[in-house]
Amino acid sequence: MNIPMINPVITKRASPYETEEGCLSLDGVRKTTRYQSIEVEFFDRNFKQQKQNFTGLAAQIIQHEIDHCDGILI
């Protein structure tokens, strides 16, 4: 699933859990808190406002990448 997201913002979070993640920007893995379910508002490739819900691994990956957009490394 490839969904281009311009200026993504997580607007809702549910069911936090602890996990370990690796990152191409860092060596090894680190503990972090993620949410099983998130709602994200963003602009699509046509600059149309979108709102979508994500769960599971897709939600975890989106949270990781939005952290990068916000200058956060795990």
N, C-alpha and C. Protein backbone atom coordinates (compact mmCIF):
# COMPACT_ATOMS: atom_id res chain seq x y z
N MET A 1 0.85 -1.17 0.00
CA MET A 1 0.00 0.00 0.00
C MET A 1 0.90 1.24 0.00
N ASN A 2 0.82 2.04 -1.03
CA ASN A 2 1.56 3.29 -1.12
C ASN A 2 0.55 4.43 -1.13
N ILE A 3 0.59 5.24 -0.07
CA ILE A 3 -0.31 6.37 0.02
C ILE A 3 0.54 7.62 0.26
N PRO A 4 0.71 8.46 -0.75
CA PRO A 4 1.45 9.69 -0.51
C PRO A 4 0.67 10.58 0.45
N MET A 5 1.38 11.10 1.46
CA MET A 5 0.76 11.97 2.46
C MET A 5 1.55 13.26 2.54
N ILE A 6 0.88 14.36 2.30
CA ILE A 6 1.51 15.68 2.42
C ILE A 6 1.02 16.29 3.72
N ASN A 7 1.96 16.73 4.56
CA ASN A 7 1.67 17.32 5.87
C ASN A 7 0.76 16.45 6.72
N PRO A 8 1.13 15.19 6.95
CA PRO A 8 0.28 14.31 7.75
C PRO A 8 0.28 14.71 9.23
N VAL A 9 -0.89 14.59 9.85
CA VAL A 9 -1.05 14.87 11.28
C VAL A 9 -1.90 13.76 11.88
N ILE A 10 -1.41 13.17 12.96
CA ILE A 10 -2.20 12.16 13.66
C ILE A 10 -3.19 12.89 14.54
N THR A 11 -4.48 12.65 14.32
CA THR A 11 -5.52 13.37 15.05
C THR A 11 -6.17 12.53 16.15
N LYS A 12 -6.05 11.20 16.05
CA LYS A 12 -6.57 10.31 17.10
C LYS A 12 -5.63 9.14 17.26
N ARG A 13 -5.52 8.68 18.52
CA ARG A 13 -4.69 7.53 18.85
C ARG A 13 -5.45 6.64 19.81
N ALA A 14 -5.30 5.33 19.67
CA ALA A 14 -5.96 4.41 20.60
C ALA A 14 -5.08 3.18 20.81
N SER A 15 -5.16 2.63 22.00
CA SER A 15 -4.50 1.37 22.36
C SER A 15 -2.98 1.44 22.27
N PRO A 16 -2.34 2.17 23.19
CA PRO A 16 -0.87 2.23 23.18
C PRO A 16 -0.24 0.87 23.52
N TYR A 17 0.94 0.64 22.97
CA TYR A 17 1.71 -0.56 23.29
C TYR A 17 3.19 -0.24 23.16
N GLU A 18 4.00 -1.00 23.88
CA GLU A 18 5.45 -0.85 23.83
C GLU A 18 5.99 -1.80 22.77
N THR A 19 6.95 -1.32 21.99
CA THR A 19 7.57 -2.14 20.95
C THR A 19 9.02 -1.72 20.78
N GLU A 20 9.74 -2.45 19.97
CA GLU A 20 11.10 -2.08 19.59
C GLU A 20 11.12 -1.87 18.09
N GLU A 21 11.83 -0.84 17.66
CA GLU A 21 11.94 -0.55 16.24
C GLU A 21 13.39 -0.30 15.86
N GLY A 22 13.69 -0.65 14.64
CA GLY A 22 14.95 -0.29 14.03
C GLY A 22 14.70 0.87 13.08
N CYS A 23 15.78 1.50 12.66
CA CYS A 23 15.66 2.64 11.76
C CYS A 23 16.92 2.70 10.90
N LEU A 24 16.75 3.02 9.64
CA LEU A 24 17.92 3.14 8.76
C LEU A 24 18.81 4.31 9.16
N SER A 25 18.28 5.24 9.97
CA SER A 25 19.06 6.40 10.42
C SER A 25 19.93 6.07 11.63
N LEU A 26 19.69 4.94 12.29
CA LEU A 26 20.40 4.58 13.52
C LEU A 26 20.77 3.11 13.51
N ASP A 27 21.80 2.75 14.28
CA ASP A 27 22.17 1.34 14.44
C ASP A 27 21.32 0.71 15.53
N GLY A 28 21.00 -0.55 15.37
CA GLY A 28 20.30 -1.30 16.41
C GLY A 28 18.82 -1.00 16.47
N VAL A 29 18.20 -1.43 17.59
CA VAL A 29 16.78 -1.19 17.83
C VAL A 29 16.61 -0.43 19.14
N ARG A 30 15.47 0.24 19.26
CA ARG A 30 15.17 1.02 20.46
C ARG A 30 13.72 0.82 20.85
N LYS A 31 13.44 0.92 22.14
CA LYS A 31 12.08 0.81 22.64
C LYS A 31 11.32 2.10 22.35
N THR A 32 10.05 1.95 22.04
CA THR A 32 9.20 3.11 21.79
C THR A 32 7.74 2.74 22.07
N THR A 33 6.91 3.73 22.25
CA THR A 33 5.48 3.52 22.42
C THR A 33 4.79 3.87 21.11
N ARG A 34 3.95 2.98 20.64
CA ARG A 34 3.14 3.21 19.45
C ARG A 34 1.69 2.95 19.80
N TYR A 35 0.80 3.25 18.86
CA TYR A 35 -0.63 3.05 19.06
C TYR A 35 -1.15 2.08 18.01
N GLN A 36 -2.00 1.15 18.44
CA GLN A 36 -2.54 0.13 17.55
C GLN A 36 -3.44 0.74 16.47
N SER A 37 -4.12 1.84 16.80
CA SER A 37 -5.06 2.46 15.87
C SER A 37 -4.83 3.97 15.85
N ILE A 38 -4.75 4.54 14.64
CA ILE A 38 -4.56 5.99 14.51
C ILE A 38 -5.48 6.54 13.41
N GLU A 39 -5.80 7.81 13.54
CA GLU A 39 -6.48 8.54 12.48
C GLU A 39 -5.52 9.62 12.00
N VAL A 40 -5.37 9.73 10.68
CA VAL A 40 -4.41 10.68 10.11
C VAL A 40 -5.14 11.60 9.13
N GLU A 41 -4.91 12.90 9.28
CA GLU A 41 -5.38 13.88 8.31
C GLU A 41 -4.18 14.32 7.49
N PHE A 42 -4.36 14.42 6.17
CA PHE A 42 -3.26 14.76 5.28
C PHE A 42 -3.83 15.25 3.95
N PHE A 43 -2.97 15.81 3.13
CA PHE A 43 -3.33 16.17 1.76
C PHE A 43 -2.80 15.08 0.84
N ASP A 44 -3.61 14.67 -0.14
CA ASP A 44 -3.16 13.67 -1.10
C ASP A 44 -2.36 14.31 -2.22
N ARG A 45 -1.97 13.53 -3.20
CA ARG A 45 -1.13 14.03 -4.29
C ARG A 45 -1.79 15.13 -5.11
N ASN A 46 -3.12 15.26 -5.00
CA ASN A 46 -3.86 16.33 -5.68
C ASN A 46 -4.19 17.49 -4.74
N PHE A 47 -3.57 17.47 -3.55
CA PHE A 47 -3.77 18.48 -2.52
C PHE A 47 -5.20 18.53 -2.02
N LYS A 48 -5.88 17.40 -2.07
CA LYS A 48 -7.22 17.28 -1.52
C LYS A 48 -7.08 16.74 -0.10
N GLN A 49 -7.79 17.37 0.86
CA GLN A 49 -7.72 16.95 2.27
C GLN A 49 -8.31 15.55 2.41
N GLN A 50 -7.60 14.71 3.15
CA GLN A 50 -8.03 13.33 3.40
C GLN A 50 -7.99 13.05 4.89
N LYS A 51 -8.78 12.09 5.32
CA LYS A 51 -8.74 11.58 6.69
C LYS A 51 -8.91 10.07 6.59
N GLN A 52 -7.95 9.32 7.16
CA GLN A 52 -8.02 7.87 7.09
C GLN A 52 -7.61 7.27 8.42
N ASN A 53 -8.15 6.08 8.69
CA ASN A 53 -7.80 5.31 9.87
C ASN A 53 -6.87 4.17 9.46
N PHE A 54 -5.90 3.89 10.33
CA PHE A 54 -4.94 2.82 10.08
C PHE A 54 -4.77 2.02 11.36
N THR A 55 -4.50 0.71 11.20
CA THR A 55 -4.28 -0.15 12.35
C THR A 55 -3.07 -1.04 12.08
N GLY A 56 -2.61 -1.68 13.14
CA GLY A 56 -1.55 -2.67 13.03
C GLY A 56 -0.24 -2.13 12.51
N LEU A 57 0.41 -2.93 11.65
CA LEU A 57 1.73 -2.57 11.15
C LEU A 57 1.71 -1.27 10.34
N ALA A 58 0.66 -1.07 9.54
CA ALA A 58 0.57 0.18 8.77
C ALA A 58 0.56 1.38 9.71
N ALA A 59 -0.19 1.30 10.80
CA ALA A 59 -0.23 2.39 11.78
C ALA A 59 1.14 2.61 12.40
N GLN A 60 1.84 1.53 12.72
CA GLN A 60 3.17 1.66 13.33
C GLN A 60 4.15 2.33 12.37
N ILE A 61 4.14 1.95 11.12
CA ILE A 61 5.05 2.54 10.14
C ILE A 61 4.73 4.01 9.93
N ILE A 62 3.47 4.35 9.84
CA ILE A 62 3.08 5.76 9.66
C ILE A 62 3.53 6.59 10.85
N GLN A 63 3.36 6.08 12.06
CA GLN A 63 3.82 6.81 13.25
C GLN A 63 5.32 7.04 13.21
N HIS A 64 6.06 6.01 12.81
CA HIS A 64 7.53 6.12 12.71
C HIS A 64 7.91 7.22 11.72
N GLU A 65 7.28 7.21 10.55
CA GLU A 65 7.63 8.19 9.51
C GLU A 65 7.18 9.60 9.87
N ILE A 66 6.03 9.74 10.51
CA ILE A 66 5.59 11.07 10.95
C ILE A 66 6.55 11.60 12.02
N ASP A 67 7.06 10.71 12.88
CA ASP A 67 8.08 11.14 13.84
C ASP A 67 9.27 11.76 13.11
N HIS A 68 9.72 11.13 12.03
CA HIS A 68 10.82 11.70 11.23
C HIS A 68 10.47 13.09 10.72
N CYS A 69 9.25 13.25 10.21
CA CYS A 69 8.81 14.57 9.72
C CYS A 69 8.85 15.62 10.83
N ASP A 70 8.63 15.17 12.06
CA ASP A 70 8.65 16.09 13.21
C ASP A 70 10.03 16.19 13.86
N GLY A 71 11.05 15.59 13.22
CA GLY A 71 12.41 15.69 13.74
C GLY A 71 12.71 14.73 14.88
N ILE A 72 11.91 13.69 15.04
CA ILE A 72 12.08 12.73 16.15
C ILE A 72 12.68 11.46 15.61
N LEU A 73 13.78 11.02 16.23
CA LEU A 73 14.37 9.71 15.96
C LEU A 73 14.13 8.85 17.18
N ILE A 74 13.78 7.59 16.96
CA ILE A 74 13.52 6.71 18.10
C ILE A 74 14.79 6.43 18.85
